[in-house]
Amino acid sequence: MMRDERAAPEDDSSLVIQEDQATRGKHAHRRRRYLIPLVIICLFNIGFLVLVGSLLLVPASKPTQSGVRFDNVGGKSPLEGRPAPDFTLPMLEKGGSVPGLHLADFKGRPVMLNFWVSWCEACKREAALLEKTWRSMKEQGVVFVGIDIQDSESAALDFLDHYGITYPNVVDATGKVSIDYGVTGVPETFFVDREGVIIHKEIGELSASLLQQNLHRLGLSA
């Protein structure tokens, strides 16, 4: 009988331990249920903060008379000192199928590439200067190429006609070449030497002095 009386408390203790373990298990399960949504919310917030931070690091854009250009864009282009990205683009000319212009065909000659669009006010202001300079210097072997970016064909042709542009112009309808050259606005002008290497990028409207200075870098005389 004494043995049975001593065994009873042991059985009660075992039940208490089992109940305690079951209670802990329930609490752990509840904690996991609340923890999973909390982790998801935390990850979402971290992703949101990263997105906001990346947007804050992108330079703000500002309108100009030329269109839209990004702040903090200037100085030396990363393309300077590197081969000019090659391209073949259709000529901007009236009527019929016109053979494309291939940049690599001009290797051995200095080249000026001018990115423009018909509605750009700065492009309009520099148009006469570019044509005048082209006429006076083309005998030295320099090549002027205008690259019209994502423009209306009729508006672009009217632009050439209005300003009497006679040097070759091509159409970058998709904007791919503009992207390859890192163009951030219009106008932008690249000066490429006889080896096909970009020696300078000029952002914005060209003045006569800027144009002559860069053509001089190409070994040309006014």
N, C-alpha and C. Protein backbone atom coordinates (compact mmCIF):
# COMPACT_ATOMS: atom_id res chain seq x y z
N MET A 1 0.84 -1.21 0.00
CA MET A 1 0.00 0.00 0.00
C MET A 1 0.86 1.24 0.00
N MET A 2 1.95 1.26 0.73
CA MET A 2 2.84 2.42 0.79
C MET A 2 3.43 2.69 -0.59
N ARG A 3 3.74 1.63 -1.30
CA ARG A 3 4.32 1.80 -2.63
C ARG A 3 3.34 2.49 -3.55
N ASP A 4 2.03 2.12 -3.44
CA ASP A 4 1.02 2.75 -4.29
C ASP A 4 0.85 4.20 -3.94
N GLU A 5 0.90 4.56 -2.67
CA GLU A 5 0.73 5.95 -2.25
C GLU A 5 1.89 6.80 -2.75
N ARG A 6 3.12 6.24 -2.77
CA ARG A 6 4.27 7.03 -3.25
C ARG A 6 4.23 7.19 -4.77
N ALA A 7 3.65 6.25 -5.47
CA ALA A 7 3.60 6.30 -6.94
C ALA A 7 2.64 7.36 -7.44
N ALA A 8 1.61 7.65 -6.65
CA ALA A 8 0.60 8.61 -7.10
C ALA A 8 1.16 9.98 -7.37
N PRO A 9 1.98 10.54 -6.44
CA PRO A 9 2.56 11.87 -6.72
C PRO A 9 3.41 11.86 -7.97
N GLU A 10 4.13 10.75 -8.22
CA GLU A 10 4.98 10.68 -9.41
C GLU A 10 4.12 10.77 -10.68
N ASP A 11 2.97 10.09 -10.65
CA ASP A 11 2.09 10.15 -11.82
C ASP A 11 1.56 11.55 -12.03
N ASP A 12 1.20 12.23 -10.93
CA ASP A 12 0.71 13.62 -11.03
C ASP A 12 1.79 14.52 -11.59
N SER A 13 3.02 14.32 -11.16
CA SER A 13 4.13 15.15 -11.65
C SER A 13 4.33 14.95 -13.14
N SER A 14 4.20 13.71 -13.59
CA SER A 14 4.37 13.41 -15.01
C SER A 14 3.29 14.10 -15.85
N LEU A 15 2.08 14.13 -15.31
CA LEU A 15 1.00 14.81 -16.03
C LEU A 15 1.25 16.30 -16.14
N VAL A 16 1.77 16.87 -15.06
CA VAL A 16 2.07 18.31 -15.05
C VAL A 16 3.12 18.65 -16.10
N ILE A 17 4.16 17.77 -16.19
CA ILE A 17 5.23 18.00 -17.16
C ILE A 17 4.67 17.92 -18.57
N GLN A 18 3.82 16.93 -18.81
CA GLN A 18 3.23 16.78 -20.14
C GLN A 18 2.37 17.98 -20.51
N GLU A 19 1.58 18.45 -19.52
CA GLU A 19 0.75 19.62 -19.78
C GLU A 19 1.60 20.85 -20.06
N ASP A 20 2.71 20.96 -19.31
CA ASP A 20 3.61 22.11 -19.50
C ASP A 20 4.24 22.08 -20.88
N GLN A 21 4.66 20.89 -21.31
CA GLN A 21 5.25 20.76 -22.64
C GLN A 21 4.24 21.09 -23.74
N ALA A 22 2.99 20.62 -23.54
CA ALA A 22 1.95 20.91 -24.52
C ALA A 22 1.67 22.40 -24.59
N THR A 23 1.67 23.06 -23.42
CA THR A 23 1.44 24.52 -23.39
C THR A 23 2.55 25.25 -24.10
N ARG A 24 3.81 24.81 -23.84
CA ARG A 24 4.94 25.45 -24.51
C ARG A 24 4.87 25.26 -26.03
N GLY A 25 4.45 24.04 -26.42
CA GLY A 25 4.33 23.77 -27.85
C GLY A 25 3.31 24.68 -28.52
N LYS A 26 2.18 24.91 -27.81
CA LYS A 26 1.16 25.79 -28.35
C LYS A 26 1.69 27.22 -28.48
N HIS A 27 2.44 27.68 -27.44
CA HIS A 27 2.99 29.04 -27.48
C HIS A 27 3.99 29.18 -28.62
N ALA A 28 4.83 28.13 -28.80
CA ALA A 28 5.82 28.18 -29.88
C ALA A 28 5.14 28.23 -31.24
N HIS A 29 4.08 27.46 -31.39
CA HIS A 29 3.34 27.46 -32.66
C HIS A 29 2.73 28.83 -32.92
N ARG A 30 2.19 29.45 -31.83
CA ARG A 30 1.61 30.79 -31.99
C ARG A 30 2.68 31.80 -32.37
N ARG A 31 3.87 31.68 -31.71
CA ARG A 31 4.95 32.61 -32.03
C ARG A 31 5.37 32.49 -33.49
N ARG A 32 5.43 31.23 -34.00
CA ARG A 32 5.78 31.03 -35.40
C ARG A 32 4.73 31.64 -36.32
N ARG A 33 3.47 31.52 -35.96
CA ARG A 33 2.40 32.07 -36.78
C ARG A 33 2.51 33.58 -36.88
N TYR A 34 2.89 34.23 -35.76
CA TYR A 34 3.03 35.69 -35.79
C TYR A 34 4.36 36.12 -36.38
N LEU A 35 5.39 35.27 -36.24
CA LEU A 35 6.73 35.63 -36.69
C LEU A 35 6.84 35.67 -38.20
N ILE A 36 6.21 34.72 -38.89
CA ILE A 36 6.30 34.65 -40.36
C ILE A 36 5.77 35.91 -41.03
N PRO A 37 4.55 36.38 -40.67
CA PRO A 37 4.08 37.64 -41.28
C PRO A 37 4.98 38.82 -40.94
N LEU A 38 5.54 38.81 -39.71
CA LEU A 38 6.42 39.90 -39.29
C LEU A 38 7.68 39.95 -40.15
N VAL A 39 8.24 38.78 -40.44
CA VAL A 39 9.43 38.72 -41.29
C VAL A 39 9.10 39.22 -42.69
N ILE A 40 7.95 38.82 -43.22
CA ILE A 40 7.54 39.26 -44.56
C ILE A 40 7.39 40.77 -44.60
N ILE A 41 6.76 41.34 -43.56
CA ILE A 41 6.58 42.80 -43.51
C ILE A 41 7.93 43.51 -43.43
N CYS A 42 8.86 42.96 -42.63
CA CYS A 42 10.19 43.56 -42.51
C CYS A 42 10.93 43.54 -43.85
N LEU A 43 10.85 42.41 -44.57
CA LEU A 43 11.51 42.31 -45.88
C LEU A 43 10.91 43.29 -46.86
N PHE A 44 9.59 43.45 -46.82
CA PHE A 44 8.92 44.40 -47.71
C PHE A 44 9.39 45.82 -47.42
N ASN A 45 9.48 46.15 -46.11
CA ASN A 45 9.93 47.50 -45.74
C ASN A 45 11.37 47.76 -46.17
N ILE A 46 12.22 46.74 -46.03
CA ILE A 46 13.61 46.89 -46.45
C ILE A 46 13.68 47.14 -47.96
N GLY A 47 12.91 46.35 -48.72
CA GLY A 47 12.88 46.54 -50.17
C GLY A 47 12.39 47.92 -50.55
N PHE A 48 11.37 48.40 -49.82
CA PHE A 48 10.83 49.74 -50.10
C PHE A 48 11.87 50.81 -49.83
N LEU A 49 12.61 50.67 -48.72
CA LEU A 49 13.65 51.65 -48.38
C LEU A 49 14.77 51.64 -49.41
N VAL A 50 15.13 50.45 -49.91
CA VAL A 50 16.17 50.37 -50.95
C VAL A 50 15.71 51.07 -52.21
N LEU A 51 14.43 50.86 -52.58
CA LEU A 51 13.89 51.51 -53.77
C LEU A 51 13.90 53.03 -53.63
N VAL A 52 13.46 53.52 -52.47
CA VAL A 52 13.44 54.97 -52.24
C VAL A 52 14.85 55.53 -52.28
N GLY A 53 15.79 54.80 -51.66
CA GLY A 53 17.17 55.26 -51.66
C GLY A 53 17.75 55.35 -53.05
N SER A 54 17.43 54.35 -53.90
CA SER A 54 17.96 54.37 -55.27
C SER A 54 17.38 55.53 -56.06
N LEU A 55 16.10 55.86 -55.82
CA LEU A 55 15.49 56.99 -56.52
C LEU A 55 16.11 58.30 -56.08
N LEU A 56 16.46 58.39 -54.80
CA LEU A 56 17.08 59.61 -54.31
C LEU A 56 18.48 59.80 -54.86
N LEU A 57 19.14 58.70 -55.21
CA LEU A 57 20.50 58.79 -55.73
C LEU A 57 20.53 59.15 -57.20
N VAL A 58 19.40 58.98 -57.93
CA VAL A 58 19.35 59.33 -59.35
C VAL A 58 19.27 60.83 -59.49
N PRO A 59 20.11 61.45 -60.30
CA PRO A 59 20.06 62.90 -60.47
C PRO A 59 18.69 63.36 -60.94
N ALA A 60 18.23 64.47 -60.38
CA ALA A 60 16.93 65.00 -60.77
C ALA A 60 17.01 65.56 -62.18
N SER A 61 15.90 65.42 -62.89
CA SER A 61 15.86 65.95 -64.24
C SER A 61 15.30 67.36 -64.23
N LYS A 62 15.69 68.15 -65.22
CA LYS A 62 15.19 69.51 -65.30
C LYS A 62 14.89 69.85 -66.75
N PRO A 63 13.85 70.62 -67.00
CA PRO A 63 13.54 71.02 -68.37
C PRO A 63 14.49 72.10 -68.83
N THR A 64 14.83 72.08 -70.10
CA THR A 64 15.64 73.13 -70.71
C THR A 64 14.99 73.50 -72.02
N GLN A 65 15.55 74.49 -72.68
CA GLN A 65 15.02 74.86 -73.98
C GLN A 65 15.25 73.75 -74.99
N SER A 66 16.18 72.85 -74.70
CA SER A 66 16.47 71.75 -75.61
C SER A 66 15.54 70.58 -75.41
N GLY A 67 14.91 70.48 -74.24
CA GLY A 67 14.09 69.32 -73.93
C GLY A 67 14.29 68.97 -72.47
N VAL A 68 14.70 67.76 -72.17
CA VAL A 68 14.96 67.34 -70.80
C VAL A 68 16.39 66.85 -70.70
N ARG A 69 17.08 67.31 -69.67
CA ARG A 69 18.46 66.89 -69.45
C ARG A 69 18.63 66.64 -67.96
N PHE A 70 19.52 65.72 -67.60
CA PHE A 70 19.73 65.40 -66.21
C PHE A 70 20.77 66.30 -65.58
N ASP A 71 20.53 66.67 -64.30
CA ASP A 71 21.53 67.40 -63.55
C ASP A 71 22.76 66.54 -63.34
N ASN A 72 23.83 67.18 -63.01
CA ASN A 72 25.10 66.50 -62.72
C ASN A 72 25.63 65.72 -63.90
N VAL A 73 25.14 66.04 -65.10
CA VAL A 73 25.67 65.41 -66.30
C VAL A 73 26.59 66.42 -66.96
N GLY A 74 27.84 66.11 -67.05
CA GLY A 74 28.79 67.06 -67.63
C GLY A 74 30.18 66.54 -67.44
N GLY A 75 31.15 67.37 -67.76
CA GLY A 75 32.52 66.94 -67.62
C GLY A 75 32.87 65.95 -68.71
N LYS A 76 33.86 65.15 -68.42
CA LYS A 76 34.37 64.21 -69.42
C LYS A 76 33.43 63.01 -69.57
N SER A 77 33.14 62.68 -70.83
CA SER A 77 32.31 61.52 -71.10
C SER A 77 33.13 60.25 -70.91
N PRO A 78 32.52 59.18 -70.36
CA PRO A 78 33.25 57.91 -70.23
C PRO A 78 33.64 57.32 -71.58
N LEU A 79 33.02 57.81 -72.66
CA LEU A 79 33.35 57.30 -73.99
C LEU A 79 34.59 57.97 -74.57
N GLU A 80 35.00 59.09 -74.01
CA GLU A 80 36.18 59.78 -74.54
C GLU A 80 37.42 58.91 -74.40
N GLY A 81 38.17 58.81 -75.50
CA GLY A 81 39.34 57.95 -75.51
C GLY A 81 39.04 56.53 -75.91
N ARG A 82 37.77 56.26 -76.23
CA ARG A 82 37.36 54.91 -76.65
C ARG A 82 36.83 54.94 -78.08
N PRO A 83 36.84 53.79 -78.75
CA PRO A 83 36.31 53.75 -80.11
C PRO A 83 34.83 54.16 -80.13
N ALA A 84 34.46 54.94 -81.11
CA ALA A 84 33.06 55.34 -81.24
C ALA A 84 32.21 54.12 -81.58
N PRO A 85 31.11 53.90 -80.87
CA PRO A 85 30.22 52.77 -81.19
C PRO A 85 29.79 52.83 -82.66
N ASP A 86 29.99 51.72 -83.34
CA ASP A 86 29.65 51.69 -84.76
C ASP A 86 28.14 51.60 -84.94
N PHE A 87 27.65 52.05 -86.07
CA PHE A 87 26.23 51.95 -86.37
C PHE A 87 26.00 52.04 -87.87
N THR A 88 24.87 51.53 -88.27
CA THR A 88 24.36 51.71 -89.64
C THR A 88 22.92 52.19 -89.50
N LEU A 89 22.65 53.40 -90.01
CA LEU A 89 21.33 53.99 -89.88
C LEU A 89 20.84 54.48 -91.25
N PRO A 90 19.53 54.48 -91.46
CA PRO A 90 18.99 54.97 -92.73
C PRO A 90 19.17 56.47 -92.89
N MET A 91 19.43 56.89 -94.10
CA MET A 91 19.59 58.30 -94.39
C MET A 91 18.25 59.03 -94.30
N LEU A 92 18.31 60.27 -93.84
CA LEU A 92 17.12 61.10 -93.78
C LEU A 92 17.05 61.91 -95.08
N GLU A 93 16.33 61.37 -96.04
CA GLU A 93 16.18 62.02 -97.35
C GLU A 93 14.78 61.77 -97.89
N LYS A 94 14.35 62.67 -98.74
CA LYS A 94 13.01 62.55 -99.30
C LYS A 94 12.94 61.47 -100.38
N GLY A 95 11.86 60.70 -100.34
CA GLY A 95 11.53 59.79 -101.43
C GLY A 95 12.37 58.55 -101.55
N GLY A 96 11.69 57.43 -101.70
CA GLY A 96 12.34 56.17 -102.05
C GLY A 96 13.22 55.59 -100.97
N SER A 97 13.83 54.47 -101.35
CA SER A 97 14.74 53.77 -100.45
C SER A 97 16.14 54.34 -100.59
N VAL A 98 16.68 54.83 -99.47
CA VAL A 98 17.99 55.45 -99.48
C VAL A 98 18.97 54.55 -98.74
N PRO A 99 20.13 54.26 -99.30
CA PRO A 99 21.11 53.41 -98.62
C PRO A 99 21.48 53.96 -97.24
N GLY A 100 21.73 53.04 -96.30
CA GLY A 100 22.09 53.45 -94.96
C GLY A 100 23.51 54.00 -94.88
N LEU A 101 23.79 54.71 -93.82
CA LEU A 101 25.13 55.25 -93.58
C LEU A 101 25.80 54.39 -92.52
N HIS A 102 27.02 53.93 -92.81
CA HIS A 102 27.78 53.07 -91.91
C HIS A 102 28.96 53.87 -91.39
N LEU A 103 28.99 54.09 -90.09
CA LEU A 103 30.04 54.92 -89.49
C LEU A 103 31.44 54.41 -89.80
N ALA A 104 31.62 53.08 -89.77
CA ALA A 104 32.95 52.50 -89.98
C ALA A 104 33.52 52.83 -91.35
N ASP A 105 32.66 53.20 -92.29
CA ASP A 105 33.14 53.54 -93.63
C ASP A 105 33.98 54.81 -93.63
N PHE A 106 33.88 55.59 -92.57
CA PHE A 106 34.60 56.87 -92.52
C PHE A 106 35.91 56.80 -91.73
N LYS A 107 36.30 55.60 -91.36
CA LYS A 107 37.55 55.48 -90.62
C LYS A 107 38.70 56.00 -91.49
N GLY A 108 39.57 56.79 -90.89
CA GLY A 108 40.63 57.45 -91.63
C GLY A 108 40.31 58.92 -91.89
N ARG A 109 39.06 59.30 -91.56
CA ARG A 109 38.64 60.68 -91.70
C ARG A 109 38.08 61.19 -90.37
N PRO A 110 38.30 62.45 -90.03
CA PRO A 110 37.70 63.00 -88.80
C PRO A 110 36.20 63.14 -88.97
N VAL A 111 35.46 62.86 -87.90
CA VAL A 111 34.00 62.85 -87.98
C VAL A 111 33.41 63.66 -86.83
N MET A 112 32.37 64.43 -87.15
CA MET A 112 31.57 65.09 -86.13
C MET A 112 30.17 64.49 -86.16
N LEU A 113 29.70 64.00 -85.02
CA LEU A 113 28.36 63.44 -84.89
C LEU A 113 27.51 64.37 -84.04
N ASN A 114 26.43 64.86 -84.61
CA ASN A 114 25.57 65.81 -83.92
C ASN A 114 24.17 65.20 -83.73
N PHE A 115 23.81 64.94 -82.46
CA PHE A 115 22.48 64.39 -82.14
C PHE A 115 21.49 65.54 -81.97
N TRP A 116 20.36 65.45 -82.66
CA TRP A 116 19.40 66.54 -82.65
C TRP A 116 17.97 66.02 -82.81
N VAL A 117 17.02 66.92 -82.67
CA VAL A 117 15.61 66.62 -82.94
C VAL A 117 14.95 67.92 -83.40
N SER A 118 13.93 67.83 -84.23
CA SER A 118 13.40 68.99 -84.92
C SER A 118 12.79 70.05 -84.00
N TRP A 119 12.23 69.64 -82.84
CA TRP A 119 11.57 70.61 -81.96
C TRP A 119 12.54 71.30 -81.00
N CYS A 120 13.80 70.90 -81.02
CA CYS A 120 14.80 71.41 -80.09
C CYS A 120 15.24 72.83 -80.48
N GLU A 121 15.03 73.80 -79.59
CA GLU A 121 15.36 75.19 -79.89
C GLU A 121 16.86 75.40 -80.04
N ALA A 122 17.65 74.75 -79.19
CA ALA A 122 19.11 74.89 -79.29
C ALA A 122 19.62 74.28 -80.59
N CYS A 123 18.97 73.19 -81.03
CA CYS A 123 19.36 72.57 -82.31
C CYS A 123 19.09 73.53 -83.46
N LYS A 124 17.99 74.25 -83.37
CA LYS A 124 17.67 75.22 -84.41
C LYS A 124 18.71 76.34 -84.44
N ARG A 125 19.12 76.79 -83.26
CA ARG A 125 20.06 77.92 -83.20
C ARG A 125 21.43 77.55 -83.74
N GLU A 126 21.85 76.29 -83.57
CA GLU A 126 23.19 75.93 -84.03
C GLU A 126 23.20 75.38 -85.46
N ALA A 127 22.03 75.17 -86.05
CA ALA A 127 21.94 74.54 -87.37
C ALA A 127 22.69 75.31 -88.44
N ALA A 128 22.51 76.63 -88.49
CA ALA A 128 23.16 77.45 -89.52
C ALA A 128 24.68 77.42 -89.35
N LEU A 129 25.15 77.43 -88.10
CA LEU A 129 26.59 77.38 -87.82
C LEU A 129 27.19 76.07 -88.32
N LEU A 130 26.51 74.96 -88.06
CA LEU A 130 27.01 73.66 -88.49
C LEU A 130 27.09 73.58 -90.01
N GLU A 131 26.06 74.05 -90.69
CA GLU A 131 26.06 74.01 -92.15
C GLU A 131 27.16 74.90 -92.73
N LYS A 132 27.30 76.10 -92.18
CA LYS A 132 28.33 77.03 -92.66
C LYS A 132 29.72 76.43 -92.47
N THR A 133 29.96 75.84 -91.30
CA THR A 133 31.27 75.26 -91.01
C THR A 133 31.53 74.06 -91.91
N TRP A 134 30.51 73.24 -92.14
CA TRP A 134 30.64 72.09 -93.02
C TRP A 134 31.05 72.52 -94.43
N ARG A 135 30.40 73.54 -94.93
CA ARG A 135 30.70 74.01 -96.28
C ARG A 135 32.14 74.52 -96.40
N SER A 136 32.61 75.17 -95.34
CA SER A 136 33.93 75.79 -95.40
C SER A 136 35.07 74.79 -95.13
N MET A 137 34.76 73.64 -94.49
CA MET A 137 35.82 72.73 -94.07
C MET A 137 35.76 71.35 -94.72
N LYS A 138 34.72 71.06 -95.49
CA LYS A 138 34.58 69.71 -96.03
C LYS A 138 35.72 69.32 -96.97
N GLU A 139 36.39 70.31 -97.58
CA GLU A 139 37.51 70.01 -98.47
C GLU A 139 38.70 69.42 -97.70
N GLN A 140 38.70 69.58 -96.38
CA GLN A 140 39.77 69.01 -95.56
C GLN A 140 39.51 67.55 -95.20
N GLY A 141 38.40 67.03 -95.69
CA GLY A 141 38.11 65.61 -95.47
C GLY A 141 37.26 65.31 -94.26
N VAL A 142 36.84 66.34 -93.52
CA VAL A 142 36.02 66.11 -92.34
C VAL A 142 34.62 65.66 -92.76
N VAL A 143 34.02 64.82 -91.94
CA VAL A 143 32.67 64.31 -92.18
C VAL A 143 31.74 64.82 -91.08
N PHE A 144 30.68 65.50 -91.46
CA PHE A 144 29.63 65.89 -90.52
C PHE A 144 28.46 64.93 -90.71
N VAL A 145 27.95 64.40 -89.59
CA VAL A 145 26.78 63.52 -89.64
C VAL A 145 25.79 63.98 -88.57
N GLY A 146 24.58 64.31 -89.01
CA GLY A 146 23.52 64.62 -88.06
C GLY A 146 22.72 63.36 -87.76
N ILE A 147 22.37 63.17 -86.49
CA ILE A 147 21.60 61.98 -86.10
C ILE A 147 20.30 62.45 -85.45
N ASP A 148 19.22 62.28 -86.17
CA ASP A 148 17.89 62.70 -85.72
C ASP A 148 17.30 61.61 -84.82
N ILE A 149 16.91 62.00 -83.60
CA ILE A 149 16.49 61.01 -82.60
C ILE A 149 14.97 60.94 -82.50
N GLN A 150 14.41 59.77 -82.75
CA GLN A 150 12.99 59.48 -82.48
C GLN A 150 12.09 60.66 -82.84
N ASP A 151 12.16 61.08 -84.08
CA ASP A 151 11.48 62.28 -84.54
C ASP A 151 10.45 61.92 -85.60
N SER A 152 9.56 62.84 -85.88
CA SER A 152 8.65 62.70 -87.01
C SER A 152 9.44 62.93 -88.30
N GLU A 153 9.28 62.03 -89.26
CA GLU A 153 10.04 62.15 -90.50
C GLU A 153 9.74 63.47 -91.21
N SER A 154 8.49 63.83 -91.27
CA SER A 154 8.12 65.07 -91.97
C SER A 154 8.71 66.29 -91.27
N ALA A 155 8.66 66.30 -89.93
CA ALA A 155 9.21 67.42 -89.17
C ALA A 155 10.73 67.49 -89.34
N ALA A 156 11.38 66.34 -89.36
CA ALA A 156 12.83 66.30 -89.53
C ALA A 156 13.24 66.79 -90.91
N LEU A 157 12.50 66.37 -91.94
CA LEU A 157 12.80 66.81 -93.30
C LEU A 157 12.56 68.31 -93.46
N ASP A 158 11.52 68.81 -92.82
CA ASP A 158 11.25 70.26 -92.85
C ASP A 158 12.39 71.02 -92.18
N PHE A 159 12.93 70.46 -91.11
CA PHE A 159 14.05 71.07 -90.40
C PHE A 159 15.26 71.21 -91.34
N LEU A 160 15.60 70.12 -92.03
CA LEU A 160 16.75 70.15 -92.95
C LEU A 160 16.51 71.16 -94.07
N ASP A 161 15.31 71.18 -94.57
CA ASP A 161 14.98 72.09 -95.67
C ASP A 161 15.01 73.54 -95.21
N HIS A 162 14.47 73.81 -94.03
CA HIS A 162 14.40 75.18 -93.52
C HIS A 162 15.79 75.77 -93.29
N TYR A 163 16.70 74.96 -92.77
CA TYR A 163 18.04 75.46 -92.44
C TYR A 163 19.07 75.15 -93.53
N GLY A 164 18.60 74.58 -94.62
CA GLY A 164 19.48 74.35 -95.75
C GLY A 164 20.62 73.38 -95.46
N ILE A 165 20.33 72.36 -94.68
CA ILE A 165 21.37 71.39 -94.28
C ILE A 165 21.70 70.47 -95.46
N THR A 166 23.00 70.41 -95.80
CA THR A 166 23.42 69.56 -96.93
C THR A 166 24.32 68.40 -96.52
N TYR A 167 24.85 68.44 -95.30
CA TYR A 167 25.68 67.31 -94.87
C TYR A 167 24.78 66.13 -94.50
N PRO A 168 25.31 64.90 -94.50
CA PRO A 168 24.48 63.70 -94.28
C PRO A 168 23.77 63.71 -92.93
N ASN A 169 22.53 63.29 -92.95
CA ASN A 169 21.76 63.11 -91.72
C ASN A 169 21.10 61.74 -91.76
N VAL A 170 21.05 61.10 -90.60
CA VAL A 170 20.46 59.77 -90.48
C VAL A 170 19.39 59.78 -89.41
N VAL A 171 18.62 58.69 -89.36
CA VAL A 171 17.50 58.59 -88.43
C VAL A 171 17.75 57.49 -87.41
N ASP A 172 17.75 57.87 -86.14
CA ASP A 172 17.83 56.89 -85.05
C ASP A 172 16.42 56.73 -84.50
N ALA A 173 15.60 55.97 -85.22
CA ALA A 173 14.17 55.88 -84.91
C ALA A 173 13.89 55.22 -83.56
N THR A 174 14.71 54.26 -83.18
CA THR A 174 14.48 53.54 -81.92
C THR A 174 15.21 54.16 -80.74
N GLY A 175 16.19 55.02 -81.03
CA GLY A 175 16.98 55.60 -79.96
C GLY A 175 18.13 54.73 -79.50
N LYS A 176 18.36 53.59 -80.15
CA LYS A 176 19.41 52.66 -79.72
C LYS A 176 20.80 53.29 -79.82
N VAL A 177 21.07 53.98 -80.93
CA VAL A 177 22.39 54.59 -81.10
C VAL A 177 22.60 55.69 -80.05
N SER A 178 21.55 56.44 -79.78
CA SER A 178 21.63 57.49 -78.75
C SER A 178 22.00 56.88 -77.40
N ILE A 179 21.42 55.74 -77.09
CA ILE A 179 21.72 55.05 -75.84
C ILE A 179 23.17 54.58 -75.84
N ASP A 180 23.61 54.01 -76.98
CA ASP A 180 24.99 53.53 -77.08
C ASP A 180 25.99 54.66 -76.83
N TYR A 181 25.63 55.86 -77.21
CA TYR A 181 26.51 57.02 -77.04
C TYR A 181 26.28 57.76 -75.71
N GLY A 182 25.33 57.27 -74.93
CA GLY A 182 25.08 57.90 -73.63
C GLY A 182 24.48 59.29 -73.74
N VAL A 183 23.70 59.52 -74.79
CA VAL A 183 23.09 60.84 -74.99
C VAL A 183 22.02 61.08 -73.92
N THR A 184 22.09 62.23 -73.26
CA THR A 184 21.15 62.56 -72.18
C THR A 184 20.24 63.72 -72.53
N GLY A 185 20.41 64.30 -73.69
CA GLY A 185 19.59 65.43 -74.11
C GLY A 185 20.01 65.86 -75.49
N VAL A 186 19.39 66.89 -76.01
CA VAL A 186 19.78 67.40 -77.32
C VAL A 186 19.97 68.91 -77.24
N PRO A 187 20.91 69.45 -78.01
CA PRO A 187 21.85 68.70 -78.86
C PRO A 187 23.05 68.19 -78.07
N GLU A 188 23.66 67.15 -78.59
CA GLU A 188 24.96 66.67 -78.10
C GLU A 188 25.82 66.34 -79.31
N THR A 189 27.11 66.66 -79.22
CA THR A 189 28.00 66.50 -80.37
C THR A 189 29.25 65.75 -79.96
N PHE A 190 29.61 64.76 -80.79
CA PHE A 190 30.80 63.95 -80.55
C PHE A 190 31.82 64.21 -81.66
N PHE A 191 33.08 64.31 -81.26
CA PHE A 191 34.16 64.53 -82.22
C PHE A 191 35.04 63.28 -82.23
N VAL A 192 35.14 62.66 -83.40
CA VAL A 192 35.81 61.37 -83.55
C VAL A 192 37.02 61.55 -84.45
N ASP A 193 38.19 61.06 -84.00
CA ASP A 193 39.42 61.26 -84.79
C ASP A 193 39.52 60.25 -85.94
N ARG A 194 40.63 60.32 -86.65
CA ARG A 194 40.80 59.49 -87.85
C ARG A 194 40.91 58.00 -87.52
N GLU A 195 41.21 57.68 -86.28
CA GLU A 195 41.29 56.29 -85.86
C GLU A 195 39.95 55.75 -85.36
N GLY A 196 38.95 56.60 -85.40
CA GLY A 196 37.62 56.17 -84.93
C GLY A 196 37.45 56.27 -83.44
N VAL A 197 38.27 57.07 -82.77
CA VAL A 197 38.22 57.23 -81.32
C VAL A 197 37.56 58.55 -80.96
N ILE A 198 36.66 58.52 -80.00
CA ILE A 198 36.00 59.75 -79.55
C ILE A 198 37.00 60.58 -78.73
N ILE A 199 37.26 61.80 -79.15
CA ILE A 199 38.20 62.64 -78.41
C ILE A 199 37.48 63.64 -77.51
N HIS A 200 36.21 63.93 -77.82
CA HIS A 200 35.48 64.87 -76.96
C HIS A 200 33.98 64.78 -77.23
N LYS A 201 33.21 65.05 -76.17
CA LYS A 201 31.76 65.15 -76.27
C LYS A 201 31.35 66.53 -75.79
N GLU A 202 30.58 67.23 -76.60
CA GLU A 202 30.12 68.56 -76.22
C GLU A 202 28.63 68.50 -75.95
N ILE A 203 28.22 68.90 -74.75
CA ILE A 203 26.82 68.88 -74.34
C ILE A 203 26.21 70.26 -74.55
N GLY A 204 25.08 70.30 -75.23
CA GLY A 204 24.38 71.57 -75.41
C GLY A 204 24.74 72.25 -76.72
N GLU A 205 24.23 73.45 -76.87
CA GLU A 205 24.39 74.22 -78.10
C GLU A 205 25.85 74.57 -78.35
N LEU A 206 26.28 74.40 -79.59
CA LEU A 206 27.65 74.74 -79.98
C LEU A 206 27.75 76.22 -80.36
N SER A 207 28.78 76.87 -79.86
CA SER A 207 29.12 78.21 -80.33
C SER A 207 30.19 78.05 -81.40
N ALA A 208 30.45 79.12 -82.13
CA ALA A 208 31.48 79.06 -83.17
C ALA A 208 32.84 78.73 -82.58
N SER A 209 33.16 79.31 -81.42
CA SER A 209 34.47 79.06 -80.81
C SER A 209 34.60 77.62 -80.33
N LEU A 210 33.53 77.07 -79.74
CA LEU A 210 33.56 75.68 -79.28
C LEU A 210 33.72 74.73 -80.45
N LEU A 211 33.01 75.00 -81.52
CA LEU A 211 33.08 74.14 -82.69
C LEU A 211 34.48 74.16 -83.29
N GLN A 212 35.05 75.34 -83.45
CA GLN A 212 36.38 75.45 -84.02
C GLN A 212 37.43 74.81 -83.11
N GLN A 213 37.27 74.98 -81.82
CA GLN A 213 38.21 74.39 -80.86
C GLN A 213 38.24 72.87 -81.00
N ASN A 214 37.06 72.27 -81.11
CA ASN A 214 37.00 70.81 -81.21
C ASN A 214 37.44 70.29 -82.57
N LEU A 215 37.16 71.03 -83.63
CA LEU A 215 37.64 70.64 -84.94
C LEU A 215 39.15 70.76 -85.01
N HIS A 216 39.71 71.72 -84.30
CA HIS A 216 41.16 71.86 -84.23
C HIS A 216 41.78 70.64 -83.56
N ARG A 217 41.08 70.08 -82.57
CA ARG A 217 41.55 68.85 -81.92
C ARG A 217 41.64 67.70 -82.90
N LEU A 218 40.82 67.77 -83.92
CA LEU A 218 40.83 66.72 -84.96
C LEU A 218 41.89 66.97 -86.01
N GLY A 219 42.68 68.03 -85.82
CA GLY A 219 43.74 68.33 -86.76
C GLY A 219 43.30 69.17 -87.94
N LEU A 220 42.15 69.85 -87.78
CA LEU A 220 41.61 70.66 -88.85
C LEU A 220 41.88 72.15 -88.58
N SER A 221 41.98 72.93 -89.62
CA SER A 221 42.21 74.36 -89.48
C SER A 221 41.00 75.12 -89.98
N ALA A 222 40.72 76.25 -89.35
CA ALA A 222 39.54 77.05 -89.71
C ALA A 222 39.69 77.65 -91.08
